[in-house]
Amino acid sequence: MAKVQIVTDSTAYFTKEYAEENDIKIVPLSVTFSGETKDEGFPGEFEDFYRKLQTSKDFPTTSQPPIEAFAKVYEEILTENKEIVTIVISEKLSGTYNSAMAAANMTAPDKISVIDSETTVSNLKMLVMIANDMAKQGKSREEIVETIEREKKKMNVVLAASTLEYLKRGGRLSATQATIGNLLNVKPIIGLKDGKLIAVAKVRGKNKAMEYLVDSVPENAVAITVLHILSHDDARQLYRKLQEKFPRIEIEIDEIGPVIGSHLGPGGVGVCSKW
């Protein structure tokens, strides 16, 4: 049995089945929409949220897990005489890291390491999988932390919105900017830089956006994941383009959940890469 337990948050977007089968503990962020607060949930459970987002005038807000949620998970693990490595969404995107750290300090700071992944979505998922494999191999908490701190520097996330509507509703764009951009068929490209989501480019049309996403993957990539929000056809198209360019890499396709996906909205696509 592994002597180190891996903990992460819901924005890694593991399926419920995978997390259970591989003994990865998930502490969920929450989403408040039209006065109702729910845990973010797992891939396969997001469609109702996005359908509501398409028709509602409200815009959701998201919240980090409370300190108590991490503390409860930690206490359960500690009874099994295990140490813990927690890897969470970038501190610049969420207060989740602070909650996880506070809970560690409340419970067993000498047995718990908390890592700011400086990323999210499938790259967070990939870091957790690396850590979990190491734990299964009997590696120490210190060895796992050292590896993850190194590997997190070799990753990239690039996302493209299908429409500017959700960036406008989330307060990232003015109504005028969104109207003009939509008329010109502008597709904003958003990237993760030093743990923070920033605008990296604006292109005209879906094809140019696809090209940009493909070109964002470095030639020395060893892992690639296509991301999408209710956009299966575009995800498959992007998958085929990437497969053509990187035939030796087994490319995955993942869904983006509400915490990250609200601002892009349905139709959004993206690419995570690791080198």
Foldseek 3Di string as FASTA:
>chain_A
DFQEAEEEECLQQDAPVVCVVLVYHYQFKWKAWPNDIDTQHHPVPFPVVQVCLVPDLTAMDIAAGALVSLLVVVVVSVVVVHAYEYEYAAVQQHVNQVSNVVSCVVHPVPRYHYHRLLHGYNVSNVLSVVLSVCSVVHDDPVVSVVVSVVQSVFKKKKKKFQAQVLLCNVPNDPPVVRVVCVVQQKIWMWIRDSSDIDTDDIDHDDVVVLVVQLVVEDPPWAAKEKEFAQAVPVSVVSVVVNCVSVVPHDYYYGYGTDSPCRSRGHPMMMMMTGD
